[in-house]
All heavy atoms as atom14 arrays in JSON, in Angstrom:
{
  "sequence": "PVSVLYALAMTANGAGGETLTQMEDVLGLSVEELTPYLYAYKEALAS",
  "atom14_mask": [
    [1, 1, 1, 1, 1, 1, 1, 0, 0, 0, 0, 0, 0, 0],
    [1, 1, 1, 1, 1, 1, 1, 0, 0, 0, 0, 0, 0, 0],
    [1, 1, 1, 1, 1, 1, 0, 0, 0, 0, 0, 0, 0, 0],
    [1, 1, 1, 1, 1, 1, 1, 0, 0, 0, 0, 0, 0, 0],
    [1, 1, 1, 1, 1, 1, 1, 1, 0, 0, 0, 0, 0, 0],
    [1, 1, 1, 1, 1, 1, 1, 1, 1, 1, 1, 1, 0, 0],
    [1, 1, 1, 1, 1, 0, 0, 0, 0, 0, 0, 0, 0, 0],
    [1, 1, 1, 1, 1, 1, 1, 1, 0, 0, 0, 0, 0, 0],
    [1, 1, 1, 1, 1, 0, 0, 0, 0, 0, 0, 0, 0, 0],
    [1, 1, 1, 1, 1, 1, 1, 1, 0, 0, 0, 0, 0, 0],
    [1, 1, 1, 1, 1, 1, 1, 0, 0, 0, 0, 0, 0, 0],
    [1, 1, 1, 1, 1, 0, 0, 0, 0, 0, 0, 0, 0, 0],
    [1, 1, 1, 1, 1, 1, 1, 1, 0, 0, 0, 0, 0, 0],
    [1, 1, 1, 1, 0, 0, 0, 0, 0, 0, 0, 0, 0, 0],
    [1, 1, 1, 1, 1, 0, 0, 0, 0, 0, 0, 0, 0, 0],
    [1, 1, 1, 1, 0, 0, 0, 0, 0, 0, 0, 0, 0, 0],
    [1, 1, 1, 1, 0, 0, 0, 0, 0, 0, 0, 0, 0, 0],
    [1, 1, 1, 1, 1, 1, 1, 1, 1, 0, 0, 0, 0, 0],
    [1, 1, 1, 1, 1, 1, 1, 0, 0, 0, 0, 0, 0, 0],
    [1, 1, 1, 1, 1, 1, 1, 1, 0, 0, 0, 0, 0, 0],
    [1, 1, 1, 1, 1, 1, 1, 0, 0, 0, 0, 0, 0, 0],
    [1, 1, 1, 1, 1, 1, 1, 1, 1, 0, 0, 0, 0, 0],
    [1, 1, 1, 1, 1, 1, 1, 1, 0, 0, 0, 0, 0, 0],
    [1, 1, 1, 1, 1, 1, 1, 1, 1, 0, 0, 0, 0, 0],
    [1, 1, 1, 1, 1, 1, 1, 1, 0, 0, 0, 0, 0, 0],
    [1, 1, 1, 1, 1, 1, 1, 0, 0, 0, 0, 0, 0, 0],
    [1, 1, 1, 1, 1, 1, 1, 1, 0, 0, 0, 0, 0, 0],
    [1, 1, 1, 1, 0, 0, 0, 0, 0, 0, 0, 0, 0, 0],
    [1, 1, 1, 1, 1, 1, 1, 1, 0, 0, 0, 0, 0, 0],
    [1, 1, 1, 1, 1, 1, 0, 0, 0, 0, 0, 0, 0, 0],
    [1, 1, 1, 1, 1, 1, 1, 0, 0, 0, 0, 0, 0, 0],
    [1, 1, 1, 1, 1, 1, 1, 1, 1, 0, 0, 0, 0, 0],
    [1, 1, 1, 1, 1, 1, 1, 1, 1, 0, 0, 0, 0, 0],
    [1, 1, 1, 1, 1, 1, 1, 1, 0, 0, 0, 0, 0, 0],
    [1, 1, 1, 1, 1, 1, 1, 0, 0, 0, 0, 0, 0, 0],
    [1, 1, 1, 1, 1, 1, 1, 0, 0, 0, 0, 0, 0, 0],
    [1, 1, 1, 1, 1, 1, 1, 1, 1, 1, 1, 1, 0, 0],
    [1, 1, 1, 1, 1, 1, 1, 1, 0, 0, 0, 0, 0, 0],
    [1, 1, 1, 1, 1, 1, 1, 1, 1, 1, 1, 1, 0, 0],
    [1, 1, 1, 1, 1, 0, 0, 0, 0, 0, 0, 0, 0, 0],
    [1, 1, 1, 1, 1, 1, 1, 1, 1, 1, 1, 1, 0, 0],
    [1, 1, 1, 1, 1, 1, 1, 1, 1, 0, 0, 0, 0, 0],
    [1, 1, 1, 1, 1, 1, 1, 1, 1, 0, 0, 0, 0, 0],
    [1, 1, 1, 1, 1, 0, 0, 0, 0, 0, 0, 0, 0, 0],
    [1, 1, 1, 1, 1, 1, 1, 1, 0, 0, 0, 0, 0, 0],
    [1, 1, 1, 1, 1, 0, 0, 0, 0, 0, 0, 0, 0, 0],
    [1, 1, 1, 1, 1, 1, 0, 0, 0, 0, 0, 0, 0, 0]
  ],
  "atom14_positions": [
    [[0.81, -1.23, -0.01], [-0.01, 0.0, 0.01], [0.82, 1.28, 0.03], [0.46, 2.29, -0.59], [-0.82, -0.12, 1.29], [-0.8, -1.58, 1.62], [0.51, -2.09, 1.14], [0.0, 0.0, 0.0], [0.0, 0.0, 0.0], [0.0, 0.0, 0.0], [0.0, 0.0, 0.0], [0.0, 0.0, 0.0], [0.0, 0.0, 0.0], [0.0, 0.0, 0.0]],
    [[2.01, 1.23, 0.65], [2.86, 2.4, 0.7], [3.38, 2.73, -0.68], [3.44, 3.92, -1.04], [4.04, 2.17, 1.7], [5.1, 3.27, 1.56], [3.52, 2.1, 3.12], [0.0, 0.0, 0.0], [0.0, 0.0, 0.0], [0.0, 0.0, 0.0], [0.0, 0.0, 0.0], [0.0, 0.0, 0.0], [0.0, 0.0, 0.0], [0.0, 0.0, 0.0]],
    [[3.75, 1.74, -1.44], [4.23, 2.01, -2.81], [3.16, 2.63, -3.69], [3.38, 3.56, -4.4], [4.76, 0.7, -3.45], [5.31, 0.93, -4.73], [0.0, 0.0, 0.0], [0.0, 0.0, 0.0], [0.0, 0.0, 0.0], [0.0, 0.0, 0.0], [0.0, 0.0, 0.0], [0.0, 0.0, 0.0], [0.0, 0.0, 0.0], [0.0, 0.0, 0.0]],
    [[1.95, 2.03, -3.59], [0.81, 2.55, -4.38], [0.53, 4.0, -3.94], [0.27, 4.89, -4.78], [-0.44, 1.67, -4.19], [-1.59, 2.23, -4.99], [-0.13, 0.25, -4.68], [0.0, 0.0, 0.0], [0.0, 0.0, 0.0], [0.0, 0.0, 0.0], [0.0, 0.0, 0.0], [0.0, 0.0, 0.0], [0.0, 0.0, 0.0], [0.0, 0.0, 0.0]],
    [[0.56, 4.22, -2.63], [0.26, 5.56, -2.08], [1.28, 6.61, -2.65], [0.88, 7.7, -3.06], [0.38, 5.5, -0.57], [-0.3, 6.59, 0.25], [-1.8, 6.67, -0.05], [-0.08, 6.34, 1.73], [0.0, 0.0, 0.0], [0.0, 0.0, 0.0], [0.0, 0.0, 0.0], [0.0, 0.0, 0.0], [0.0, 0.0, 0.0], [0.0, 0.0, 0.0]],
    [[2.57, 6.23, -2.66], [3.54, 7.18, -3.17], [3.35, 7.48, -4.63], [3.38, 8.63, -5.06], [4.97, 6.59, -2.95], [5.63, 7.02, -1.69], [5.44, 6.33, -0.5], [6.44, 8.15, -1.65], [6.02, 6.74, 0.68], [7.03, 8.56, -0.43], [6.85, 7.82, 0.69], [7.42, 8.25, 1.87], [0.0, 0.0, 0.0], [0.0, 0.0, 0.0]],
    [[3.15, 6.46, -5.46], [3.0, 6.7, -6.89], [1.75, 7.52, -7.23], [1.78, 8.44, -8.06], [2.98, 5.37, -7.65], [0.0, 0.0, 0.0], [0.0, 0.0, 0.0], [0.0, 0.0, 0.0], [0.0, 0.0, 0.0], [0.0, 0.0, 0.0], [0.0, 0.0, 0.0], [0.0, 0.0, 0.0], [0.0, 0.0, 0.0], [0.0, 0.0, 0.0]],
    [[0.63, 7.23, -6.54], [-0.59, 7.94, -6.82], [-0.52, 9.36, -6.24], [-1.04, 10.26, -6.83], [-1.81, 7.19, -6.21], [-2.17, 5.88, -6.87], [-3.4, 5.28, -6.17], [-2.44, 6.1, -8.36], [0.0, 0.0, 0.0], [0.0, 0.0, 0.0], [0.0, 0.0, 0.0], [0.0, 0.0, 0.0], [0.0, 0.0, 0.0], [0.0, 0.0, 0.0]],
    [[0.18, 9.53, -5.14], [0.33, 10.89, -4.59], [1.17, 11.75, -5.51], [0.85, 12.94, -5.72], [0.97, 10.83, -3.22], [0.0, 0.0, 0.0], [0.0, 0.0, 0.0], [0.0, 0.0, 0.0], [0.0, 0.0, 0.0], [0.0, 0.0, 0.0], [0.0, 0.0, 0.0], [0.0, 0.0, 0.0], [0.0, 0.0, 0.0], [0.0, 0.0, 0.0]],
    [[2.22, 11.2, -6.07], [3.02, 11.96, -7.04], [2.17, 12.39, -8.2], [2.22, 13.51, -8.68], [4.2, 11.11, -7.56], [5.34, 10.96, -6.61], [6.88, 10.43, -7.44], [6.39, 8.83, -8.1], [0.0, 0.0, 0.0], [0.0, 0.0, 0.0], [0.0, 0.0, 0.0], [0.0, 0.0, 0.0], [0.0, 0.0, 0.0], [0.0, 0.0, 0.0]],
    [[1.33, 11.46, -8.7], [0.45, 11.75, -9.82], [-0.62, 12.77, -9.48], [-0.92, 13.69, -10.26], [-0.23, 10.46, -10.32], [0.72, 9.42, -10.41], [-0.92, 10.68, -11.65], [0.0, 0.0, 0.0], [0.0, 0.0, 0.0], [0.0, 0.0, 0.0], [0.0, 0.0, 0.0], [0.0, 0.0, 0.0], [0.0, 0.0, 0.0], [0.0, 0.0, 0.0]],
    [[-1.17, 12.68, -8.26], [-2.24, 13.59, -7.84], [-1.75, 15.04, -7.8], [-2.56, 15.96, -7.91], [-2.76, 13.16, -6.48], [0.0, 0.0, 0.0], [0.0, 0.0, 0.0], [0.0, 0.0, 0.0], [0.0, 0.0, 0.0], [0.0, 0.0, 0.0], [0.0, 0.0, 0.0], [0.0, 0.0, 0.0], [0.0, 0.0, 0.0], [0.0, 0.0, 0.0]],
    [[-0.44, 15.23, -7.63], [0.07, 16.64, -7.63], [-0.09, 17.29, -8.99], [0.02, 18.53, -9.1], [1.55, 16.6, -7.24], [1.74, 16.6, -5.72], [1.39, 17.54, -5.05], [2.26, 15.5, -5.2], [0.0, 0.0, 0.0], [0.0, 0.0, 0.0], [0.0, 0.0, 0.0], [0.0, 0.0, 0.0], [0.0, 0.0, 0.0], [0.0, 0.0, 0.0]],
    [[-0.42, 16.54, -10.04], [-0.65, 17.07, -11.35], [-2.11, 17.03, -11.74], [-2.45, 17.41, -12.89], [0.0, 0.0, 0.0], [0.0, 0.0, 0.0], [0.0, 0.0, 0.0], [0.0, 0.0, 0.0], [0.0, 0.0, 0.0], [0.0, 0.0, 0.0], [0.0, 0.0, 0.0], [0.0, 0.0, 0.0], [0.0, 0.0, 0.0], [0.0, 0.0, 0.0]],
    [[-2.99, 16.6, -10.83], [-4.39, 16.46, -11.12], [-5.17, 17.7, -10.72], [-4.74, 18.48, -9.87], [-4.98, 15.23, -10.44], [0.0, 0.0, 0.0], [0.0, 0.0, 0.0], [0.0, 0.0, 0.0], [0.0, 0.0, 0.0], [0.0, 0.0, 0.0], [0.0, 0.0, 0.0], [0.0, 0.0, 0.0], [0.0, 0.0, 0.0], [0.0, 0.0, 0.0]],
    [[-6.37, 17.88, -11.32], [-7.22, 19.01, -10.98], [-8.69, 18.62, -11.07], [-9.03, 17.51, -11.55], [0.0, 0.0, 0.0], [0.0, 0.0, 0.0], [0.0, 0.0, 0.0], [0.0, 0.0, 0.0], [0.0, 0.0, 0.0], [0.0, 0.0, 0.0], [0.0, 0.0, 0.0], [0.0, 0.0, 0.0], [0.0, 0.0, 0.0], [0.0, 0.0, 0.0]],
    [[-9.53, 19.51, -10.63], [-10.98, 19.29, -10.74], [-11.49, 18.04, -10.11], [-11.04, 17.58, -9.09], [0.0, 0.0, 0.0], [0.0, 0.0, 0.0], [0.0, 0.0, 0.0], [0.0, 0.0, 0.0], [0.0, 0.0, 0.0], [0.0, 0.0, 0.0], [0.0, 0.0, 0.0], [0.0, 0.0, 0.0], [0.0, 0.0, 0.0], [0.0, 0.0, 0.0]],
    [[-12.48, 17.39, -10.8], [-13.09, 16.15, -10.25], [-12.06, 15.02, -10.22], [-12.18, 14.1, -9.36], [-14.27, 15.79, -11.13], [-15.07, 14.55, -10.65], [-15.72, 14.71, -9.28], [-15.84, 15.88, -8.82], [-16.06, 13.71, -8.68], [0.0, 0.0, 0.0], [0.0, 0.0, 0.0], [0.0, 0.0, 0.0], [0.0, 0.0, 0.0], [0.0, 0.0, 0.0]],
    [[-11.1, 15.02, -11.15], [-10.09, 13.96, -11.1], [-9.29, 13.99, -9.78], [-9.1, 12.97, -9.16], [-9.07, 14.16, -12.26], [-9.75, 14.11, -13.51], [-8.0, 13.09, -12.28], [0.0, 0.0, 0.0], [0.0, 0.0, 0.0], [0.0, 0.0, 0.0], [0.0, 0.0, 0.0], [0.0, 0.0, 0.0], [0.0, 0.0, 0.0], [0.0, 0.0, 0.0]],
    [[-8.9, 15.18, -9.37], [-8.21, 15.31, -8.09], [-9.12, 14.96, -6.91], [-8.69, 14.28, -5.99], [-7.72, 16.76, -7.92], [-7.03, 17.05, -6.6], [-5.8, 16.17, -6.36], [-6.6, 18.54, -6.54], [0.0, 0.0, 0.0], [0.0, 0.0, 0.0], [0.0, 0.0, 0.0], [0.0, 0.0, 0.0], [0.0, 0.0, 0.0], [0.0, 0.0, 0.0]],
    [[-10.37, 15.4, -6.94], [-11.3, 15.11, -5.91], [-11.45, 13.6, -5.69], [-11.43, 13.07, -4.57], [-12.68, 15.75, -6.17], [-12.54, 17.16, -6.24], [-13.66, 15.41, -5.08], [0.0, 0.0, 0.0], [0.0, 0.0, 0.0], [0.0, 0.0, 0.0], [0.0, 0.0, 0.0], [0.0, 0.0, 0.0], [0.0, 0.0, 0.0], [0.0, 0.0, 0.0]],
    [[-11.64, 12.87, -6.82], [-11.8, 11.43, -6.71], [-10.53, 10.77, -6.19], [-10.55, 9.84, -5.35], [-12.1, 10.87, -8.1], [-13.51, 11.23, -8.56], [-13.8, 10.68, -9.95], [-12.97, 9.93, -10.55], [-14.96, 10.95, -10.51], [0.0, 0.0, 0.0], [0.0, 0.0, 0.0], [0.0, 0.0, 0.0], [0.0, 0.0, 0.0], [0.0, 0.0, 0.0]],
    [[-9.37, 11.23, -6.64], [-8.09, 10.64, -6.16], [-7.9, 10.89, -4.67], [-7.5, 10.0, -3.93], [-6.89, 11.2, -6.96], [-6.9, 10.82, -8.41], [-5.41, 11.39, -9.35], [-4.15, 10.21, -8.73], [0.0, 0.0, 0.0], [0.0, 0.0, 0.0], [0.0, 0.0, 0.0], [0.0, 0.0, 0.0], [0.0, 0.0, 0.0], [0.0, 0.0, 0.0]],
    [[-8.25, 12.09, -4.19], [-8.07, 12.38, -2.76], [-9.09, 11.56, -1.93], [-8.76, 11.13, -0.86], [-8.28, 13.91, -2.52], [-7.13, 14.74, -3.07], [-7.31, 16.2, -2.84], [-8.48, 16.67, -2.79], [-6.31, 16.93, -2.74], [0.0, 0.0, 0.0], [0.0, 0.0, 0.0], [0.0, 0.0, 0.0], [0.0, 0.0, 0.0], [0.0, 0.0, 0.0]],
    [[-10.29, 11.36, -2.5], [-11.27, 10.53, -1.75], [-10.78, 9.11, -1.59], [-10.94, 8.48, -0.54], [-12.61, 10.54, -2.52], [-13.35, 11.86, -2.37], [-12.98, 12.66, -1.48], [-14.32, 12.09, -3.14], [0.0, 0.0, 0.0], [0.0, 0.0, 0.0], [0.0, 0.0, 0.0], [0.0, 0.0, 0.0], [0.0, 0.0, 0.0], [0.0, 0.0, 0.0]],
    [[-10.19, 8.57, -2.66], [-9.66, 7.21, -2.59], [-8.44, 7.12, -1.68], [-8.28, 6.19, -0.87], [-9.3, 6.68, -4.02], [-8.48, 5.41, -3.96], [-10.55, 6.51, -4.84], [0.0, 0.0, 0.0], [0.0, 0.0, 0.0], [0.0, 0.0, 0.0], [0.0, 0.0, 0.0], [0.0, 0.0, 0.0], [0.0, 0.0, 0.0], [0.0, 0.0, 0.0]],
    [[-7.53, 8.09, -1.78], [-6.32, 8.08, -0.95], [-6.62, 8.39, 0.52], [-5.87, 7.97, 1.39], [-5.31, 9.13, -1.49], [-4.77, 8.81, -2.9], [-3.96, 10.0, -3.43], [-3.89, 7.55, -2.89], [0.0, 0.0, 0.0], [0.0, 0.0, 0.0], [0.0, 0.0, 0.0], [0.0, 0.0, 0.0], [0.0, 0.0, 0.0], [0.0, 0.0, 0.0]],
    [[-7.71, 9.06, 0.76], [-8.11, 9.33, 2.14], [-7.55, 10.58, 2.75], [-7.85, 10.93, 3.9], [0.0, 0.0, 0.0], [0.0, 0.0, 0.0], [0.0, 0.0, 0.0], [0.0, 0.0, 0.0], [0.0, 0.0, 0.0], [0.0, 0.0, 0.0], [0.0, 0.0, 0.0], [0.0, 0.0, 0.0], [0.0, 0.0, 0.0], [0.0, 0.0, 0.0]],
    [[-6.72, 11.27, 1.99], [-6.14, 12.54, 2.44], [-6.05, 13.48, 1.23], [-5.96, 13.04, 0.06], [-4.72, 12.32, 2.97], [-4.58, 11.57, 4.3], [-3.15, 11.12, 4.54], [-5.06, 12.44, 5.45], [0.0, 0.0, 0.0], [0.0, 0.0, 0.0], [0.0, 0.0, 0.0], [0.0, 0.0, 0.0], [0.0, 0.0, 0.0], [0.0, 0.0, 0.0]],
    [[-6.1, 14.77, 1.54], [-5.86, 15.76, 0.47], [-4.38, 15.72, 0.09], [-3.52, 15.29, 0.87], [-6.27, 17.14, 0.9], [-5.37, 17.62, 1.9], [0.0, 0.0, 0.0], [0.0, 0.0, 0.0], [0.0, 0.0, 0.0], [0.0, 0.0, 0.0], [0.0, 0.0, 0.0], [0.0, 0.0, 0.0], [0.0, 0.0, 0.0], [0.0, 0.0, 0.0]],
    [[-4.06, 16.24, -1.1], [-2.69, 16.33, -1.55], [-1.88, 17.15, -0.56], [-0.69, 16.85, -0.24], [-2.6, 16.87, -2.98], [-1.18, 17.29, -3.31], [-3.12, 15.87, -3.97], [0.0, 0.0, 0.0], [0.0, 0.0, 0.0], [0.0, 0.0, 0.0], [0.0, 0.0, 0.0], [0.0, 0.0, 0.0], [0.0, 0.0, 0.0], [0.0, 0.0, 0.0]],
    [[-2.5, 18.22, -0.05], [-1.8, 19.13, 0.86], [-1.45, 18.4, 2.19], [-0.48, 18.76, 2.85], [-2.65, 20.38, 1.17], [-2.79, 21.35, 0.03], [-3.79, 20.86, -1.05], [-4.53, 19.89, -0.74], [-3.77, 21.45, -2.15], [0.0, 0.0, 0.0], [0.0, 0.0, 0.0], [0.0, 0.0, 0.0], [0.0, 0.0, 0.0], [0.0, 0.0, 0.0]],
    [[-2.23, 17.41, 2.6], [-1.97, 16.64, 3.78], [-1.03, 15.43, 3.49], [-0.09, 15.16, 4.25], [-3.27, 16.08, 4.36], [-4.22, 17.14, 4.92], [-5.59, 16.56, 5.22], [-6.06, 15.75, 4.41], [-6.17, 16.99, 6.23], [0.0, 0.0, 0.0], [0.0, 0.0, 0.0], [0.0, 0.0, 0.0], [0.0, 0.0, 0.0], [0.0, 0.0, 0.0]],
    [[-1.24, 14.81, 2.38], [-0.54, 13.55, 2.05], [0.91, 13.81, 1.68], [1.79, 13.06, 2.08], [-1.24, 12.84, 0.91], [-0.71, 11.46, 0.48], [-0.7, 10.53, 1.66], [-1.53, 10.88, -0.66], [0.0, 0.0, 0.0], [0.0, 0.0, 0.0], [0.0, 0.0, 0.0], [0.0, 0.0, 0.0], [0.0, 0.0, 0.0], [0.0, 0.0, 0.0]],
    [[1.18, 14.86, 0.92], [2.54, 15.1, 0.44], [3.52, 15.32, 1.61], [4.55, 14.62, 1.64], [2.58, 16.3, -0.51], [1.81, 15.96, -1.7], [4.0, 16.68, -0.93], [0.0, 0.0, 0.0], [0.0, 0.0, 0.0], [0.0, 0.0, 0.0], [0.0, 0.0, 0.0], [0.0, 0.0, 0.0], [0.0, 0.0, 0.0], [0.0, 0.0, 0.0]],
    [[3.25, 16.22, 2.55], [4.21, 16.33, 3.7], [4.25, 15.11, 4.61], [5.26, 14.78, 5.17], [3.71, 17.58, 4.45], [2.32, 17.77, 4.01], [2.22, 17.24, 2.63], [0.0, 0.0, 0.0], [0.0, 0.0, 0.0], [0.0, 0.0, 0.0], [0.0, 0.0, 0.0], [0.0, 0.0, 0.0], [0.0, 0.0, 0.0], [0.0, 0.0, 0.0]],
    [[3.13, 14.34, 4.69], [3.12, 13.14, 5.51], [4.07, 12.07, 4.92], [4.86, 11.48, 5.64], [1.7, 12.6, 5.57], [1.68, 11.23, 6.29], [1.74, 11.15, 7.67], [1.63, 10.04, 5.56], [1.76, 9.9, 8.29], [1.67, 8.8, 6.18], [1.71, 8.73, 7.55], [1.71, 7.51, 8.21], [0.0, 0.0, 0.0], [0.0, 0.0, 0.0]],
    [[4.01, 11.87, 3.63], [4.86, 10.87, 2.96], [6.31, 11.3, 3.06], [7.23, 10.42, 3.16], [4.45, 10.64, 1.5], [3.07, 9.95, 1.34], [2.73, 9.84, -0.13], [3.07, 8.58, 1.99], [0.0, 0.0, 0.0], [0.0, 0.0, 0.0], [0.0, 0.0, 0.0], [0.0, 0.0, 0.0], [0.0, 0.0, 0.0], [0.0, 0.0, 0.0]],
    [[6.6, 12.58, 2.96], [7.97, 13.08, 3.12], [8.48, 12.72, 4.51], [9.58, 12.21, 4.67], [8.02, 14.57, 2.84], [9.42, 15.13, 3.06], [10.27, 15.29, 1.97], [9.84, 15.61, 4.33], [11.55, 15.84, 2.16], [11.11, 16.11, 4.5], [11.94, 16.25, 3.39], [13.21, 16.8, 3.58], [0.0, 0.0, 0.0], [0.0, 0.0, 0.0]],
    [[7.66, 13.02, 5.5], [8.11, 12.78, 6.89], [8.23, 11.26, 7.16], [9.13, 10.83, 7.87], [7.09, 13.39, 7.89], [0.0, 0.0, 0.0], [0.0, 0.0, 0.0], [0.0, 0.0, 0.0], [0.0, 0.0, 0.0], [0.0, 0.0, 0.0], [0.0, 0.0, 0.0], [0.0, 0.0, 0.0], [0.0, 0.0, 0.0], [0.0, 0.0, 0.0]],
    [[7.34, 10.48, 6.51], [7.4, 9.02, 6.7], [8.72, 8.48, 6.15], [9.41, 7.72, 6.79], [6.23, 8.37, 5.99], [6.23, 6.88, 6.07], [5.75, 6.21, 7.18], [6.7, 6.09, 5.0], [5.75, 4.84, 7.27], [6.69, 4.72, 5.05], [6.25, 4.08, 6.18], [6.24, 2.71, 6.26], [0.0, 0.0, 0.0], [0.0, 0.0, 0.0]],
    [[9.1, 8.92, 4.94], [10.35, 8.45, 4.33], [11.57, 8.87, 5.15], [12.49, 8.11, 5.32], [10.47, 9.0, 2.93], [11.65, 8.5, 2.11], [11.61, 9.0, 0.68], [12.7, 8.4, -0.19], [14.04, 8.84, 0.18], [0.0, 0.0, 0.0], [0.0, 0.0, 0.0], [0.0, 0.0, 0.0], [0.0, 0.0, 0.0], [0.0, 0.0, 0.0]],
    [[11.56, 10.13, 5.65], [12.65, 10.61, 6.44], [12.8, 9.86, 7.76], [13.96, 9.74, 8.28], [12.5, 12.08, 6.75], [12.63, 13.01, 5.55], [14.04, 12.94, 4.95], [14.97, 13.29, 5.64], [14.14, 12.51, 3.78], [0.0, 0.0, 0.0], [0.0, 0.0, 0.0], [0.0, 0.0, 0.0], [0.0, 0.0, 0.0], [0.0, 0.0, 0.0]],
    [[11.74, 9.33, 8.28], [11.77, 8.64, 9.58], [12.15, 7.14, 9.48], [12.4, 6.51, 10.49], [10.4, 8.72, 10.24], [0.0, 0.0, 0.0], [0.0, 0.0, 0.0], [0.0, 0.0, 0.0], [0.0, 0.0, 0.0], [0.0, 0.0, 0.0], [0.0, 0.0, 0.0], [0.0, 0.0, 0.0], [0.0, 0.0, 0.0], [0.0, 0.0, 0.0]],
    [[12.24, 6.62, 8.23], [12.55, 5.22, 8.05], [13.99, 4.9, 8.55], [14.92, 5.68, 8.24], [12.4, 4.8, 6.6], [11.01, 4.79, 6.05], [11.01, 4.45, 4.56], [10.09, 3.86, 6.84], [0.0, 0.0, 0.0], [0.0, 0.0, 0.0], [0.0, 0.0, 0.0], [0.0, 0.0, 0.0], [0.0, 0.0, 0.0], [0.0, 0.0, 0.0]],
    [[14.15, 3.84, 9.28], [15.45, 3.49, 9.84], [16.19, 2.49, 8.93], [15.58, 1.67, 8.24], [15.23, 2.86, 11.23], [0.0, 0.0, 0.0], [0.0, 0.0, 0.0], [0.0, 0.0, 0.0], [0.0, 0.0, 0.0], [0.0, 0.0, 0.0], [0.0, 0.0, 0.0], [0.0, 0.0, 0.0], [0.0, 0.0, 0.0], [0.0, 0.0, 0.0]],
    [[17.48, 2.6, 8.97], [18.36, 1.64, 8.24], [19.51, 1.28, 9.13], [20.03, 2.09, 9.9], [18.87, 2.23, 6.95], [17.84, 2.38, 6.01], [0.0, 0.0, 0.0], [0.0, 0.0, 0.0], [0.0, 0.0, 0.0], [0.0, 0.0, 0.0], [0.0, 0.0, 0.0], [0.0, 0.0, 0.0], [0.0, 0.0, 0.0], [0.0, 0.0, 0.0]]
  ]
}
């Protein structure tokens, strides 16, 4: 799910109108919420 979330979030940054609304409804977060969340998630990953 994380991989799908990242790829769709990247794509959603180029979407508009009803296309964006549907994508945000499916993803469960707005692009404005999801983009910084995924950045913080990646930065927090341990190796």
